[in-house]
Protein backbone atom coordinates (compact mmCIF):
# COMPACT_ATOMS: atom_id res chain seq x y z
CA UNK A 1 0.00 0.00 0.00
CA UNK A 2 1.34 3.43 -0.92
CA UNK A 3 1.10 6.47 1.32
CA UNK A 4 -0.57 9.04 -0.91
CA UNK A 5 -0.64 11.51 2.00
CA UNK A 6 3.17 11.76 1.69
CA UNK A 7 2.92 13.34 -1.79
CA UNK A 8 3.83 17.03 -1.50
CA UNK A 9 2.11 19.34 -3.99
CA UNK A 10 2.87 22.56 -2.08
CA UNK A 11 5.44 23.82 -4.63
CA UNK A 12 2.76 23.65 -7.33
CA UNK A 13 0.21 25.43 -5.14
CA UNK A 14 2.49 28.47 -5.00
CA UNK A 15 2.64 28.76 -8.79
CA UNK A 16 -0.98 29.50 -9.57
CA UNK A 17 -4.53 29.31 -8.27
CA UNK A 18 -5.62 27.31 -11.30
CA UNK A 19 -3.55 24.15 -11.75
CA UNK A 20 -4.94 20.77 -12.70
CA UNK A 21 -2.90 17.60 -12.52
CA UNK A 22 -4.09 15.10 -15.10
CA UNK A 23 -3.02 11.61 -14.18
CA UNK A 24 -3.54 9.28 -17.13
CA UNK A 25 -3.27 5.51 -17.48
CA UNK A 26 -3.95 4.78 -13.82
CA UNK A 27 -5.96 2.03 -12.17
CA UNK A 28 -9.22 2.89 -10.34
CA UNK A 29 -7.82 2.34 -6.83
CA UNK A 30 -4.77 4.57 -7.34
CA UNK A 31 -6.86 7.19 -9.14
CA UNK A 32 -9.28 7.37 -6.22
CA UNK A 33 -6.38 7.65 -3.77
CA UNK A 34 -4.88 10.54 -5.74
CA UNK A 35 -8.22 12.35 -5.67
CA UNK A 36 -9.08 11.77 -2.00
CA UNK A 37 -5.81 11.33 -0.10
CA UNK A 38 -3.18 13.64 -1.62
CA UNK A 39 -3.07 16.78 0.59
CA UNK A 40 -3.81 19.95 -1.34
CA UNK A 41 -5.76 23.17 -1.11
CA UNK A 42 -6.05 24.68 -4.60
CA UNK A 43 -4.79 22.02 -6.98
CA UNK A 44 -7.30 19.98 -8.94
CA UNK A 45 -6.55 16.34 -9.68
CA UNK A 46 -8.20 14.50 -12.51
CA UNK A 47 -7.50 10.84 -13.23
CA UNK A 48 -8.38 8.60 -16.15
CA UNK A 49 -8.23 4.83 -16.03
CA UNK A 50 -5.87 2.96 -18.30
CA UNK A 51 -8.64 1.00 -20.05
CA UNK A 52 -10.26 4.26 -21.20
CA UNK A 53 -6.94 5.77 -22.31
CA UNK A 54 -6.09 2.74 -24.44
CA UNK A 55 -9.06 3.46 -26.73
CA UNK A 56 -7.51 6.64 -28.18
CA UNK A 57 -5.39 4.49 -30.45
CA UNK A 58 -8.42 2.65 -31.86
CA UNK A 59 -8.31 2.73 -35.70
CA UNK A 60 -11.86 4.13 -35.70
CA UNK A 61 -10.80 7.07 -33.51
CA UNK A 62 -7.23 7.90 -34.52
CA UNK A 63 -6.62 7.71 -38.26
CA UNK A 64 -2.90 7.33 -38.91
CA UNK A 65 -3.09 8.51 -42.52
CA UNK A 66 -4.52 11.94 -41.62
CA UNK A 67 -3.01 15.11 -40.20
CA UNK A 68 -3.94 16.32 -36.73
CA UNK A 69 -6.25 18.97 -38.21
CA UNK A 70 -8.24 16.20 -39.93
CA UNK A 71 -8.59 14.04 -36.80
CA UNK A 72 -12.15 15.10 -35.91
CA UNK A 73 -13.09 11.89 -34.06
CA UNK A 74 -9.83 11.89 -32.12
CA UNK A 75 -10.23 15.55 -31.14
CA UNK A 76 -13.81 14.85 -30.03
CA UNK A 77 -12.66 11.80 -28.04
CA UNK A 78 -9.94 13.88 -26.37
CA UNK A 79 -12.44 16.58 -25.40
CA UNK A 80 -14.76 13.99 -23.86
CA UNK A 81 -12.11 11.90 -22.09
CA UNK A 82 -9.09 14.08 -21.38
CA UNK A 83 -9.86 17.81 -21.65
CA UNK A 84 -12.59 18.80 -19.30
CA UNK A 85 -12.76 20.99 -16.22
CA UNK A 86 -12.68 19.57 -12.73
CA UNK A 87 -13.49 21.30 -9.44
CA UNK A 88 -10.92 22.15 -6.85
CA UNK A 89 -11.29 20.08 -3.72
CA UNK A 90 -9.43 20.73 -0.51
CA UNK A 91 -7.79 17.67 1.01
CA UNK A 92 -5.85 18.16 4.25
C-alpha atoms as a PDB file:
ATOM      1  CA  UNK A   1       0.000   0.000   0.000  1.00  0.00           C
ATOM      2  CA  UNK A   2       1.338   3.425  -0.922  1.00  0.00           C
ATOM      3  CA  UNK A   3       1.101   6.470   1.324  1.00  0.00           C
ATOM      4  CA  UNK A   4      -0.571   9.041  -0.911  1.00  0.00           C
ATOM      5  CA  UNK A   5      -0.639  11.509   2.001  1.00  0.00           C
ATOM      6  CA  UNK A   6       3.168  11.764   1.693  1.00  0.00           C
ATOM      7  CA  UNK A   7       2.918  13.336  -1.791  1.00  0.00           C
ATOM      8  CA  UNK A   8       3.832  17.031  -1.499  1.00  0.00           C
ATOM      9  CA  UNK A   9       2.106  19.341  -3.992  1.00  0.00           C
ATOM     10  CA  UNK A  10       2.871  22.556  -2.078  1.00  0.00           C
ATOM     11  CA  UNK A  11       5.442  23.820  -4.632  1.00  0.00           C
ATOM     12  CA  UNK A  12       2.762  23.650  -7.328  1.00  0.00           C
ATOM     13  CA  UNK A  13       0.212  25.430  -5.144  1.00  0.00           C
ATOM     14  CA  UNK A  14       2.486  28.470  -4.999  1.00  0.00           C
ATOM     15  CA  UNK A  15       2.642  28.756  -8.789  1.00  0.00           C
ATOM     16  CA  UNK A  16      -0.982  29.499  -9.573  1.00  0.00           C
ATOM     17  CA  UNK A  17      -4.529  29.306  -8.274  1.00  0.00           C
ATOM     18  CA  UNK A  18      -5.615  27.313 -11.300  1.00  0.00           C
ATOM     19  CA  UNK A  19      -3.550  24.147 -11.746  1.00  0.00           C
ATOM     20  CA  UNK A  20      -4.945  20.774 -12.700  1.00  0.00           C
ATOM     21  CA  UNK A  21      -2.895  17.596 -12.520  1.00  0.00           C
ATOM     22  CA  UNK A  22      -4.092  15.099 -15.098  1.00  0.00           C
ATOM     23  CA  UNK A  23      -3.023  11.606 -14.181  1.00  0.00           C
ATOM     24  CA  UNK A  24      -3.544   9.276 -17.132  1.00  0.00           C
ATOM     25  CA  UNK A  25      -3.265   5.508 -17.475  1.00  0.00           C
ATOM     26  CA  UNK A  26      -3.949   4.777 -13.815  1.00  0.00           C
ATOM     27  CA  UNK A  27      -5.955   2.034 -12.169  1.00  0.00           C
ATOM     28  CA  UNK A  28      -9.216   2.886 -10.345  1.00  0.00           C
ATOM     29  CA  UNK A  29      -7.816   2.335  -6.832  1.00  0.00           C
ATOM     30  CA  UNK A  30      -4.769   4.574  -7.337  1.00  0.00           C
ATOM     31  CA  UNK A  31      -6.862   7.189  -9.136  1.00  0.00           C
ATOM     32  CA  UNK A  32      -9.281   7.370  -6.224  1.00  0.00           C
ATOM     33  CA  UNK A  33      -6.383   7.653  -3.770  1.00  0.00           C
ATOM     34  CA  UNK A  34      -4.884  10.543  -5.742  1.00  0.00           C
ATOM     35  CA  UNK A  35      -8.225  12.347  -5.668  1.00  0.00           C
ATOM     36  CA  UNK A  36      -9.079  11.769  -2.002  1.00  0.00           C
ATOM     37  CA  UNK A  37      -5.807  11.330  -0.103  1.00  0.00           C
ATOM     38  CA  UNK A  38      -3.177  13.644  -1.618  1.00  0.00           C
ATOM     39  CA  UNK A  39      -3.070  16.780   0.588  1.00  0.00           C
ATOM     40  CA  UNK A  40      -3.813  19.953  -1.340  1.00  0.00           C
ATOM     41  CA  UNK A  41      -5.756  23.174  -1.114  1.00  0.00           C
ATOM     42  CA  UNK A  42      -6.048  24.684  -4.595  1.00  0.00           C
ATOM     43  CA  UNK A  43      -4.794  22.018  -6.980  1.00  0.00           C
ATOM     44  CA  UNK A  44      -7.299  19.978  -8.940  1.00  0.00           C
ATOM     45  CA  UNK A  45      -6.547  16.345  -9.676  1.00  0.00           C
ATOM     46  CA  UNK A  46      -8.196  14.502 -12.510  1.00  0.00           C
ATOM     47  CA  UNK A  47      -7.501  10.842 -13.234  1.00  0.00           C
ATOM     48  CA  UNK A  48      -8.378   8.605 -16.155  1.00  0.00           C
ATOM     49  CA  UNK A  49      -8.228   4.827 -16.028  1.00  0.00           C
ATOM     50  CA  UNK A  50      -5.868   2.957 -18.302  1.00  0.00           C
ATOM     51  CA  UNK A  51      -8.641   1.004 -20.047  1.00  0.00           C
ATOM     52  CA  UNK A  52     -10.255   4.264 -21.203  1.00  0.00           C
ATOM     53  CA  UNK A  53      -6.944   5.768 -22.307  1.00  0.00           C
ATOM     54  CA  UNK A  54      -6.093   2.735 -24.441  1.00  0.00           C
ATOM     55  CA  UNK A  55      -9.058   3.459 -26.725  1.00  0.00           C
ATOM     56  CA  UNK A  56      -7.510   6.644 -28.179  1.00  0.00           C
ATOM     57  CA  UNK A  57      -5.388   4.486 -30.448  1.00  0.00           C
ATOM     58  CA  UNK A  58      -8.418   2.651 -31.862  1.00  0.00           C
ATOM     59  CA  UNK A  59      -8.309   2.733 -35.699  1.00  0.00           C
ATOM     60  CA  UNK A  60     -11.859   4.126 -35.697  1.00  0.00           C
ATOM     61  CA  UNK A  61     -10.801   7.067 -33.513  1.00  0.00           C
ATOM     62  CA  UNK A  62      -7.226   7.902 -34.523  1.00  0.00           C
ATOM     63  CA  UNK A  63      -6.616   7.710 -38.259  1.00  0.00           C
ATOM     64  CA  UNK A  64      -2.903   7.327 -38.911  1.00  0.00           C
ATOM     65  CA  UNK A  65      -3.094   8.512 -42.515  1.00  0.00           C
ATOM     66  CA  UNK A  66      -4.522  11.945 -41.620  1.00  0.00           C
ATOM     67  CA  UNK A  67      -3.008  15.107 -40.198  1.00  0.00           C
ATOM     68  CA  UNK A  68      -3.939  16.324 -36.734  1.00  0.00           C
ATOM     69  CA  UNK A  69      -6.249  18.966 -38.210  1.00  0.00           C
ATOM     70  CA  UNK A  70      -8.238  16.197 -39.926  1.00  0.00           C
ATOM     71  CA  UNK A  71      -8.588  14.045 -36.802  1.00  0.00           C
ATOM     72  CA  UNK A  72     -12.152  15.101 -35.915  1.00  0.00           C
ATOM     73  CA  UNK A  73     -13.090  11.894 -34.062  1.00  0.00           C
ATOM     74  CA  UNK A  74      -9.826  11.886 -32.115  1.00  0.00           C
ATOM     75  CA  UNK A  75     -10.232  15.554 -31.141  1.00  0.00           C
ATOM     76  CA  UNK A  76     -13.806  14.852 -30.031  1.00  0.00           C
ATOM     77  CA  UNK A  77     -12.665  11.799 -28.044  1.00  0.00           C
ATOM     78  CA  UNK A  78      -9.937  13.882 -26.369  1.00  0.00           C
ATOM     79  CA  UNK A  79     -12.439  16.585 -25.400  1.00  0.00           C
ATOM     80  CA  UNK A  80     -14.757  13.993 -23.862  1.00  0.00           C
ATOM     81  CA  UNK A  81     -12.107  11.901 -22.089  1.00  0.00           C
ATOM     82  CA  UNK A  82      -9.090  14.080 -21.376  1.00  0.00           C
ATOM     83  CA  UNK A  83      -9.864  17.806 -21.649  1.00  0.00           C
ATOM     84  CA  UNK A  84     -12.592  18.804 -19.296  1.00  0.00           C
ATOM     85  CA  UNK A  85     -12.758  20.988 -16.218  1.00  0.00           C
ATOM     86  CA  UNK A  86     -12.684  19.570 -12.726  1.00  0.00           C
ATOM     87  CA  UNK A  87     -13.490  21.304  -9.445  1.00  0.00           C
ATOM     88  CA  UNK A  88     -10.918  22.150  -6.853  1.00  0.00           C
ATOM     89  CA  UNK A  89     -11.292  20.083  -3.719  1.00  0.00           C
ATOM     90  CA  UNK A  90      -9.430  20.734  -0.510  1.00  0.00           C
ATOM     91  CA  UNK A  91      -7.791  17.667   1.008  1.00  0.00           C
ATOM     92  CA  UNK A  92      -5.854  18.163   4.246  1.00  0.00           C
END
